[in-house]
Amino acid sequence: NVYYIKCECRLKFEEEYMQIKANIPPNFHNMSLSILDTEFRTQNQAELRKLDGYGRKLSWAVKTGAGLYLCGKNSVGKSFLGVAILKKALNEGYSVHFTLLEELITNAIHYSKHPQLYSDFIQFIKTVDFLMVDEVDKMDSDRPASILSLFTFLLKERYNAKKPLIVTANMEKVKFLDADFINGGRAIFDEKLISIYLQGDHRTKILKDLEDEVNNGG
C-alpha cells in the first residue's frame, strides 16, 4: 500500500525532526529500550522500575516539577535512559530539550550579550516541559565566580518555575550536594530530583552488538 508507506515515512521524518529540534544527540535517535540486555535489566531492576514509574507519570512530573538525578560511572547508560524519558515525553506531546552542561553555560554567556535574546533564552529554560542537563557534575569549582553564579541562576529559574529537571552525573547525589559549585543551589537538586543509581557497562554492550553484526556480515 503506497499510501501506508508514505505515512510511515512521514511519521519517521516527523519523529526525527522533533528529536533534532529538541537537541537530542543523533546517536540516540534510533535507540530504544529494547537494546537493554538481560544482565543490565537484572543489575538495575529496582532502579529501572522507578524510572518506568516516572515515565508513566509524566503529567504528574510536569504538575509537581519532579525530575531525575541519573547517577553512575561512565558508559553505564545514564544519558541513554534520560533521553528515553525525553523521547517518551515528546511522543506524549510535551516540549523537551537536551543540553550538555557546557553547552548550557556557553549559550547563556553568548546570549547575555544580547538582552532580548537572553530574555528569550531564560524564558525557554524556565518553561520547556522537560529539560535534561547531561554531565551536570562537570562544572569545576575553580571556574570564575560569575560562571558559577550563572550556573546556579539558570537552574534556580527552572526550580522556581516548578518544571522538571533531568540531570546525569558520575557523582553520587550526596557527594554532588556538597560540591562547592552548587553553593546556594542545593535545593534545586535535593528537593525535587528522584535518584536513579545505575550499574553495569551499557555502552560496551552496544559496541559489542555492533561488532558482532559486522563480524557476522550484518
Protein backbone atom coordinates (compact mmCIF):
# COMPACT_ATOMS: atom_id res chain seq x y z
CA ASN A 1 0.00 0.00 0.00
CA VAL A 2 1.79 3.13 -1.27
CA TYR A 3 -0.28 5.46 0.91
CA TYR A 4 0.64 3.50 4.03
CA ILE A 5 4.35 3.56 3.13
CA LYS A 6 4.24 7.33 2.63
CA CYS A 7 2.54 7.74 6.01
CA GLU A 8 5.21 5.63 7.68
CA CYS A 9 7.95 7.71 6.05
CA ARG A 10 6.29 10.92 7.13
CA LEU A 11 5.91 9.69 10.71
CA LYS A 12 9.59 8.75 10.75
CA PHE A 13 10.53 12.17 9.39
CA GLU A 14 8.41 13.96 11.99
CA GLU A 15 9.92 11.87 14.78
CA GLU A 16 13.43 12.68 13.57
CA TYR A 17 12.58 16.37 13.20
CA MET A 18 11.21 16.58 16.75
CA GLN A 19 14.38 14.99 18.14
CA ILE A 20 16.60 17.40 16.20
CA LYS A 21 14.52 20.35 17.40
CA ALA A 22 14.89 19.06 20.98
CA ASN A 23 18.70 18.94 20.52
CA ILE A 24 18.77 15.19 21.23
CA PRO A 25 22.16 13.80 20.04
CA PRO A 26 21.85 11.88 16.71
CA ASN A 27 23.34 8.68 18.15
CA PHE A 28 20.26 8.37 20.38
CA HIS A 29 17.65 8.95 17.67
CA ASN A 30 17.08 5.34 16.68
CA MET A 31 17.84 3.69 20.01
CA SER A 32 15.05 2.16 22.08
CA LEU A 33 14.87 0.41 25.43
CA SER A 34 14.78 -2.91 23.59
CA ILE A 35 18.59 -2.79 23.37
CA LEU A 36 18.91 -3.20 27.15
CA ASP A 37 20.18 -6.72 27.73
CA THR A 38 19.03 -9.13 30.44
CA GLU A 39 22.16 -8.64 32.56
CA PHE A 40 21.70 -4.86 32.67
CA ARG A 41 18.00 -5.20 33.46
CA THR A 42 18.77 -7.64 36.28
CA GLN A 43 21.53 -5.46 37.75
CA ASN A 44 19.29 -2.41 37.74
CA GLN A 45 15.89 -3.96 38.31
CA ALA A 46 14.78 -1.71 41.18
CA GLU A 47 16.10 1.48 39.56
CA LEU A 48 14.55 0.68 36.19
CA ARG A 49 11.25 0.10 37.97
CA LYS A 50 11.49 3.61 39.44
CA LEU A 51 12.37 5.02 36.03
CA ASP A 52 9.45 3.20 34.40
CA GLY A 53 7.12 4.55 37.08
CA TYR A 54 8.33 8.09 36.36
CA GLY A 55 7.82 7.57 32.63
CA ARG A 56 4.24 6.50 33.25
CA LYS A 57 3.51 9.66 35.26
CA LEU A 58 4.84 12.45 33.07
CA SER A 59 1.75 14.59 33.64
CA TRP A 60 2.40 14.28 37.38
CA ALA A 61 6.04 15.26 36.84
CA VAL A 62 5.02 18.38 34.92
CA LYS A 63 2.45 19.27 37.57
CA THR A 64 4.82 18.84 40.53
CA GLY A 65 8.19 19.69 38.98
CA ALA A 66 9.61 16.29 39.94
CA GLY A 67 12.76 15.38 38.00
CA LEU A 68 15.51 12.78 37.91
CA TYR A 69 19.11 12.51 39.11
CA LEU A 70 20.64 9.72 36.99
CA CYS A 71 23.91 8.60 38.54
CA GLY A 72 26.59 6.05 37.68
CA LYS A 73 30.02 5.60 36.16
CA ASN A 74 30.87 6.38 32.54
CA SER A 75 29.20 4.07 29.99
CA VAL A 76 26.50 2.87 32.38
CA GLY A 77 23.69 4.30 30.24
CA LYS A 78 22.64 7.43 32.17
CA SER A 79 22.30 9.64 29.11
CA PHE A 80 20.56 6.93 27.10
CA LEU A 81 17.91 6.39 29.79
CA GLY A 82 17.43 10.12 30.33
CA VAL A 83 16.89 10.58 26.60
CA ALA A 84 14.42 7.66 26.65
CA ILE A 85 12.30 9.73 29.05
CA LEU A 86 12.61 12.78 26.78
CA LYS A 87 11.51 10.76 23.75
CA LYS A 88 8.51 9.39 25.65
CA ALA A 89 7.59 12.94 26.67
CA LEU A 90 7.88 14.07 23.04
CA ASN A 91 5.55 11.28 21.95
CA GLU A 92 3.03 12.43 24.56
CA GLY A 93 3.10 15.99 23.23
CA TYR A 94 5.39 17.67 25.77
CA SER A 95 8.17 20.07 24.87
CA VAL A 96 11.66 18.82 25.73
CA HIS A 97 15.26 19.97 25.43
CA PHE A 98 18.59 18.18 25.84
CA THR A 99 21.81 20.02 26.63
CA LEU A 100 25.26 19.28 27.92
CA LEU A 101 26.16 21.42 30.93
CA GLU A 102 29.00 23.04 28.98
CA GLU A 103 26.63 23.85 26.12
CA LEU A 104 24.12 25.41 28.51
CA ILE A 105 26.75 27.68 30.04
CA THR A 106 28.25 28.61 26.66
CA ASN A 107 24.84 29.55 25.25
CA ALA A 108 23.96 31.58 28.34
CA ILE A 109 27.20 33.58 28.06
CA HIS A 110 26.61 34.15 24.34
CA TYR A 111 23.01 35.29 24.73
CA SER A 112 23.83 37.50 27.72
CA LYS A 113 25.46 39.92 25.27
CA HIS A 114 22.08 40.45 23.60
CA PRO A 115 19.39 41.47 26.14
CA GLN A 116 16.33 40.37 24.15
CA LEU A 117 17.87 37.05 23.14
CA TYR A 118 18.98 36.48 26.73
CA SER A 119 15.46 37.15 27.99
CA ASP A 120 14.08 34.64 25.46
CA PHE A 121 16.74 32.10 26.44
CA ILE A 122 15.91 32.36 30.15
CA GLN A 123 12.21 32.10 29.37
CA PHE A 124 12.86 28.92 27.37
CA ILE A 125 14.92 27.37 30.19
CA LYS A 126 12.09 28.17 32.60
CA THR A 127 9.17 26.95 30.52
CA VAL A 128 10.18 23.94 28.40
CA ASP A 129 8.29 20.99 29.89
CA PHE A 130 11.31 18.69 30.34
CA LEU A 131 14.91 19.93 30.46
CA MET A 132 17.78 17.45 30.56
CA VAL A 133 21.26 18.64 31.53
CA ASP A 134 23.85 15.97 30.77
CA GLU A 135 27.09 15.74 32.78
CA VAL A 136 25.89 18.26 35.35
CA ASP A 137 28.80 17.44 37.67
CA LYS A 138 31.38 18.57 35.11
CA MET A 139 31.27 22.11 36.49
CA ASP A 140 34.65 22.88 38.07
CA SER A 141 34.66 24.80 41.35
CA ASP A 142 37.71 26.78 40.17
CA ARG A 143 35.69 28.46 37.43
CA PRO A 144 35.16 32.24 37.74
CA ALA A 145 32.56 33.18 40.33
CA SER A 146 30.42 34.73 37.59
CA ILE A 147 30.17 31.36 35.78
CA LEU A 148 29.30 29.51 38.98
CA SER A 149 26.62 32.09 39.76
CA LEU A 150 25.24 31.79 36.23
CA PHE A 151 25.02 28.01 36.58
CA THR A 152 23.05 28.32 39.82
CA PHE A 153 20.88 31.14 38.46
CA LEU A 154 19.79 29.20 35.37
CA LEU A 155 18.72 26.13 37.29
CA LYS A 156 17.13 28.19 40.07
CA GLU A 157 14.95 29.88 37.47
CA ARG A 158 13.67 26.48 36.43
CA TYR A 159 13.30 25.27 40.00
CA ASN A 160 11.25 28.34 40.91
CA ALA A 161 9.07 27.75 37.85
CA LYS A 162 8.38 24.22 39.21
CA LYS A 163 9.40 22.50 35.98
CA PRO A 164 11.00 19.01 35.79
CA LEU A 165 14.78 18.82 35.50
CA ILE A 166 16.60 15.64 34.46
CA VAL A 167 20.35 15.52 35.10
CA THR A 168 23.11 12.93 34.70
CA ALA A 169 26.23 12.74 36.84
CA ASN A 170 29.06 10.42 37.80
CA MET A 171 28.95 11.71 41.38
CA GLU A 172 26.51 10.21 43.83
CA LYS A 173 23.90 12.75 44.81
CA VAL A 174 25.07 13.12 48.41
CA LYS A 175 28.59 13.99 47.22
CA PHE A 176 27.30 16.28 44.48
CA LEU A 177 25.24 18.25 47.01
CA ASP A 178 28.44 19.07 48.92
CA ALA A 179 30.27 20.36 45.83
CA ASP A 180 31.38 23.99 46.02
CA PHE A 181 29.94 24.85 42.62
CA ILE A 182 26.32 24.36 43.72
CA ASN A 183 26.69 26.71 46.65
CA GLY A 184 23.31 28.37 47.06
CA GLY A 185 21.58 25.92 44.73
CA ARG A 186 21.35 22.80 46.87
CA ALA A 187 17.53 22.77 46.97
CA ILE A 188 17.41 22.54 43.17
CA PHE A 189 18.85 19.03 43.30
CA ASP A 190 17.90 17.92 46.80
CA GLU A 191 14.16 18.54 46.92
CA LYS A 192 12.78 17.61 43.50
CA LEU A 193 15.11 15.09 41.83
CA ILE A 194 14.43 11.37 42.23
CA SER A 195 17.73 9.47 42.43
CA ILE A 196 18.37 6.64 39.98
CA TYR A 197 21.66 4.79 40.64
CA LEU A 198 22.79 2.63 37.71
CA GLN A 199 25.36 -0.16 37.49
CA GLY A 200 26.96 -2.09 34.64
CA ASP A 201 28.54 -1.18 31.32
CA HIS A 202 25.75 -0.44 28.87
CA ARG A 203 27.91 1.29 26.25
CA THR A 204 30.32 -1.63 25.94
CA LYS A 205 27.35 -3.94 25.32
CA ILE A 206 26.12 -1.72 22.47
CA LEU A 207 29.58 -1.70 20.87
CA LYS A 208 29.84 -5.47 21.19
CA ASP A 209 26.49 -5.90 19.44
CA LEU A 210 27.69 -3.67 16.60
CA GLU A 211 30.95 -5.60 16.30
CA ASP A 212 29.07 -8.91 16.26
CA GLU A 213 26.82 -7.61 13.50
CA VAL A 214 29.83 -6.56 11.41
CA ASN A 215 31.63 -9.85 12.03
CA ASN A 216 28.52 -11.77 11.02
CA GLY A 217 28.18 -9.81 7.81
CA GLY A 218 25.18 -7.82 9.03
